[in-house]
Amino acid sequence: MTDRPHRSPWPPLLIAIALEVSATLSLRAAEGFTHPLWLIAVVAGYTGSLWLLSVVLDRGMPVGVAYGIWSAIGVVLTAVLGTVLFGETLGTVQIIGVGAIVIGVLLVELGSHARPTSTEVAS
């Protein structure tokens, strides 16, 4: 068994989020396949994002925490950037929903530090 140095899961998680958001925005920019070059960005972005998410899991972040952060931050960034780039609007209820997502991610992240993971208990 080799001892690998501990590597933080945060850099690949943040890059995975950026790729997923970019892919989703590219899907919007493709405008129903009328601009097919954007589809290359869609496929590359989602593929890279999922691969990096697997790296995050390999580095020890629990799947519920990693997926929760990845998806929630992706939703928030996509909603905000959709308003900036595409002129989409967010209503009051949607803004409250985005705030609830942010609070939920914070609670999931804080809760992940409150108790040991199964690998910590086993050792």
C-alpha atoms as a PDB file:
ATOM      1  CA  MET A   1       0.000   0.000   0.000  1.00  0.00           C
ATOM      2  CA  THR A   2       1.442   3.358  -0.974  1.00  0.00           C
ATOM      3  CA  ASP A   3       0.947   6.483   1.039  1.00  0.00           C
ATOM      4  CA  ARG A   4      -0.301   9.171  -1.273  1.00  0.00           C
ATOM      5  CA  PRO A   5      -0.047  12.740  -0.074  1.00  0.00           C
ATOM      6  CA  HIS A   6      -3.388  14.274   0.835  1.00  0.00           C
ATOM      7  CA  ARG A   7      -4.617  16.407  -2.015  1.00  0.00           C
ATOM      8  CA  SER A   8      -7.450  18.813  -1.546  1.00  0.00           C
ATOM      9  CA  PRO A   9     -10.684  17.999  -3.368  1.00  0.00           C
ATOM     10  CA  TRP A  10     -11.562  21.699  -3.659  1.00  0.00           C
ATOM     11  CA  PRO A  11      -9.557  22.726  -6.769  1.00  0.00           C
ATOM     12  CA  PRO A  12     -11.002  19.979  -8.989  1.00  0.00           C
ATOM     13  CA  LEU A  13     -14.474  20.591  -7.527  1.00  0.00           C
ATOM     14  CA  LEU A  14     -14.333  24.295  -8.373  1.00  0.00           C
ATOM     15  CA  ILE A  15     -13.093  23.553 -11.894  1.00  0.00           C
ATOM     16  CA  ALA A  16     -15.821  20.894 -12.294  1.00  0.00           C
ATOM     17  CA  ILE A  17     -18.427  23.484 -11.319  1.00  0.00           C
ATOM     18  CA  ALA A  18     -17.007  26.007 -13.794  1.00  0.00           C
ATOM     19  CA  LEU A  19     -17.054  23.418 -16.597  1.00  0.00           C
ATOM     20  CA  GLU A  20     -20.613  22.337 -15.791  1.00  0.00           C
ATOM     21  CA  VAL A  21     -21.849  25.936 -15.767  1.00  0.00           C
ATOM     22  CA  SER A  22     -20.001  26.657 -19.012  1.00  0.00           C
ATOM     23  CA  ALA A  23     -21.541  23.574 -20.617  1.00  0.00           C
ATOM     24  CA  THR A  24     -25.033  24.544 -19.513  1.00  0.00           C
ATOM     25  CA  LEU A  25     -24.635  28.102 -20.772  1.00  0.00           C
ATOM     26  CA  SER A  26     -23.245  26.733 -24.039  1.00  0.00           C
ATOM     27  CA  LEU A  27     -26.336  24.570 -24.361  1.00  0.00           C
ATOM     28  CA  ARG A  28     -28.411  27.749 -24.116  1.00  0.00           C
ATOM     29  CA  ALA A  29     -26.141  29.490 -26.638  1.00  0.00           C
ATOM     30  CA  ALA A  30     -26.574  26.592 -29.094  1.00  0.00           C
ATOM     31  CA  GLU A  31     -30.197  27.729 -29.470  1.00  0.00           C
ATOM     32  CA  GLY A  32     -31.748  24.369 -30.215  1.00  0.00           C
ATOM     33  CA  PHE A  33     -28.852  23.070 -32.317  1.00  0.00           C
ATOM     34  CA  THR A  34     -28.922  26.056 -34.680  1.00  0.00           C
ATOM     35  CA  HIS A  35     -25.326  26.836 -33.612  1.00  0.00           C
ATOM     36  CA  PRO A  36     -23.773  23.349 -33.499  1.00  0.00           C
ATOM     37  CA  LEU A  37     -20.253  24.533 -32.632  1.00  0.00           C
ATOM     38  CA  TRP A  38     -21.554  25.358 -29.159  1.00  0.00           C
ATOM     39  CA  LEU A  39     -22.377  21.668 -28.783  1.00  0.00           C
ATOM     40  CA  ILE A  40     -18.663  20.866 -28.706  1.00  0.00           C
ATOM     41  CA  ALA A  41     -18.396  23.079 -25.616  1.00  0.00           C
ATOM     42  CA  VAL A  42     -21.443  21.306 -24.153  1.00  0.00           C
ATOM     43  CA  VAL A  43     -19.983  17.820 -24.557  1.00  0.00           C
ATOM     44  CA  ALA A  44     -16.475  18.841 -23.460  1.00  0.00           C
ATOM     45  CA  GLY A  45     -17.782  20.779 -20.468  1.00  0.00           C
ATOM     46  CA  TYR A  46     -20.055  18.048 -19.134  1.00  0.00           C
ATOM     47  CA  THR A  47     -17.465  15.322 -19.782  1.00  0.00           C
ATOM     48  CA  GLY A  48     -14.696  17.253 -18.036  1.00  0.00           C
ATOM     49  CA  SER A  49     -16.979  18.202 -15.182  1.00  0.00           C
ATOM     50  CA  LEU A  50     -18.021  14.626 -14.477  1.00  0.00           C
ATOM     51  CA  TRP A  51     -14.438  13.382 -14.709  1.00  0.00           C
ATOM     52  CA  LEU A  52     -13.296  16.038 -12.226  1.00  0.00           C
ATOM     53  CA  LEU A  53     -16.190  15.152  -9.934  1.00  0.00           C
ATOM     54  CA  SER A  54     -14.821  11.595  -9.864  1.00  0.00           C
ATOM     55  CA  VAL A  55     -11.403  13.030  -8.925  1.00  0.00           C
ATOM     56  CA  VAL A  56     -13.059  14.921  -6.057  1.00  0.00           C
ATOM     57  CA  LEU A  57     -14.604  11.684  -4.791  1.00  0.00           C
ATOM     58  CA  ASP A  58     -11.271   9.877  -5.142  1.00  0.00           C
ATOM     59  CA  ARG A  59      -9.719  12.565  -2.949  1.00  0.00           C
ATOM     60  CA  GLY A  60     -12.117  11.677  -0.168  1.00  0.00           C
ATOM     61  CA  MET A  61     -14.985  14.150  -0.271  1.00  0.00           C
ATOM     62  CA  PRO A  62     -18.251  12.348   0.536  1.00  0.00           C
ATOM     63  CA  VAL A  63     -20.468  11.891  -2.508  1.00  0.00           C
ATOM     64  CA  GLY A  64     -23.447  13.686  -0.948  1.00  0.00           C
ATOM     65  CA  VAL A  65     -21.352  16.714  -0.087  1.00  0.00           C
ATOM     66  CA  ALA A  66     -19.527  16.820  -3.433  1.00  0.00           C
ATOM     67  CA  TYR A  67     -22.669  16.403  -5.514  1.00  0.00           C
ATOM     68  CA  GLY A  68     -24.635  18.831  -3.367  1.00  0.00           C
ATOM     69  CA  ILE A  69     -22.025  21.557  -3.694  1.00  0.00           C
ATOM     70  CA  TRP A  70     -21.431  20.847  -7.398  1.00  0.00           C
ATOM     71  CA  SER A  71     -25.074  20.934  -8.344  1.00  0.00           C
ATOM     72  CA  ALA A  72     -26.193  23.771  -6.064  1.00  0.00           C
ATOM     73  CA  ILE A  73     -23.404  26.174  -6.943  1.00  0.00           C
ATOM     74  CA  GLY A  74     -23.959  25.229 -10.579  1.00  0.00           C
ATOM     75  CA  VAL A  75     -27.650  26.144 -10.318  1.00  0.00           C
ATOM     76  CA  VAL A  76     -26.887  29.466  -8.644  1.00  0.00           C
ATOM     77  CA  LEU A  77     -24.158  30.462 -11.108  1.00  0.00           C
ATOM     78  CA  THR A  78     -26.218  29.363 -14.101  1.00  0.00           C
ATOM     79  CA  ALA A  79     -29.223  31.374 -12.922  1.00  0.00           C
ATOM     80  CA  VAL A  80     -27.143  34.497 -12.280  1.00  0.00           C
ATOM     81  CA  LEU A  81     -25.131  34.221 -15.491  1.00  0.00           C
ATOM     82  CA  GLY A  82     -28.298  33.500 -17.472  1.00  0.00           C
ATOM     83  CA  THR A  83     -29.574  36.921 -16.431  1.00  0.00           C
ATOM     84  CA  VAL A  84     -26.286  38.598 -17.345  1.00  0.00           C
ATOM     85  CA  LEU A  85     -25.556  36.831 -20.638  1.00  0.00           C
ATOM     86  CA  PHE A  86     -29.012  36.078 -22.001  1.00  0.00           C
ATOM     87  CA  GLY A  87     -31.208  38.716 -20.386  1.00  0.00           C
ATOM     88  CA  GLU A  88     -33.248  36.104 -18.534  1.00  0.00           C
ATOM     89  CA  THR A  89     -35.088  37.395 -15.494  1.00  0.00           C
ATOM     90  CA  LEU A  90     -35.324  36.056 -11.979  1.00  0.00           C
ATOM     91  CA  GLY A  91     -38.513  36.733 -10.090  1.00  0.00           C
ATOM     92  CA  THR A  92     -38.773  37.200  -6.355  1.00  0.00           C
ATOM     93  CA  VAL A  93     -39.634  33.561  -5.710  1.00  0.00           C
ATOM     94  CA  GLN A  94     -36.689  32.425  -7.834  1.00  0.00           C
ATOM     95  CA  ILE A  95     -34.314  34.737  -5.955  1.00  0.00           C
ATOM     96  CA  ILE A  96     -35.576  33.305  -2.661  1.00  0.00           C
ATOM     97  CA  GLY A  97     -35.001  29.827  -4.106  1.00  0.00           C
ATOM     98  CA  VAL A  98     -31.421  30.693  -5.047  1.00  0.00           C
ATOM     99  CA  GLY A  99     -30.892  31.975  -1.497  1.00  0.00           C
ATOM    100  CA  ALA A 100     -32.323  28.741  -0.101  1.00  0.00           C
ATOM    101  CA  ILE A 101     -29.917  26.742  -2.280  1.00  0.00           C
ATOM    102  CA  VAL A 102     -26.958  28.724  -0.932  1.00  0.00           C
ATOM    103  CA  ILE A 103     -28.110  28.155   2.649  1.00  0.00           C
ATOM    104  CA  GLY A 104     -28.635  24.460   1.928  1.00  0.00           C
ATOM    105  CA  VAL A 105     -25.121  24.051   0.524  1.00  0.00           C
ATOM    106  CA  LEU A 106     -23.662  25.781   3.565  1.00  0.00           C
ATOM    107  CA  LEU A 107     -25.596  23.481   5.884  1.00  0.00           C
ATOM    108  CA  VAL A 108     -24.510  20.364   3.990  1.00  0.00           C
ATOM    109  CA  GLU A 109     -20.879  21.483   4.064  1.00  0.00           C
ATOM    110  CA  LEU A 110     -21.001  22.389   7.764  1.00  0.00           C
ATOM    111  CA  GLY A 111     -22.750  19.120   8.560  1.00  0.00           C
ATOM    112  CA  SER A 112     -20.056  17.124   6.779  1.00  0.00           C
ATOM    113  CA  HIS A 113     -17.547  18.293   9.388  1.00  0.00           C
ATOM    114  CA  ALA A 114     -19.794  17.515  12.353  1.00  0.00           C
ATOM    115  CA  ARG A 115     -19.264  13.740  12.354  1.00  0.00           C
ATOM    116  CA  PRO A 116     -16.569  11.375  11.092  1.00  0.00           C
ATOM    117  CA  THR A 117     -16.920   9.654   7.743  1.00  0.00           C
ATOM    118  CA  SER A 118     -17.054   5.872   7.495  1.00  0.00           C
ATOM    119  CA  THR A 119     -13.365   5.760   6.518  1.00  0.00           C
ATOM    120  CA  GLU A 120     -12.430   7.746   9.635  1.00  0.00           C
ATOM    121  CA  VAL A 121     -14.479   5.428  11.847  1.00  0.00           C
ATOM    122  CA  ALA A 122     -12.898   2.303  10.294  1.00  0.00           C
ATOM    123  CA  SER A 123      -9.324   3.415  10.910  1.00  0.00           C
END
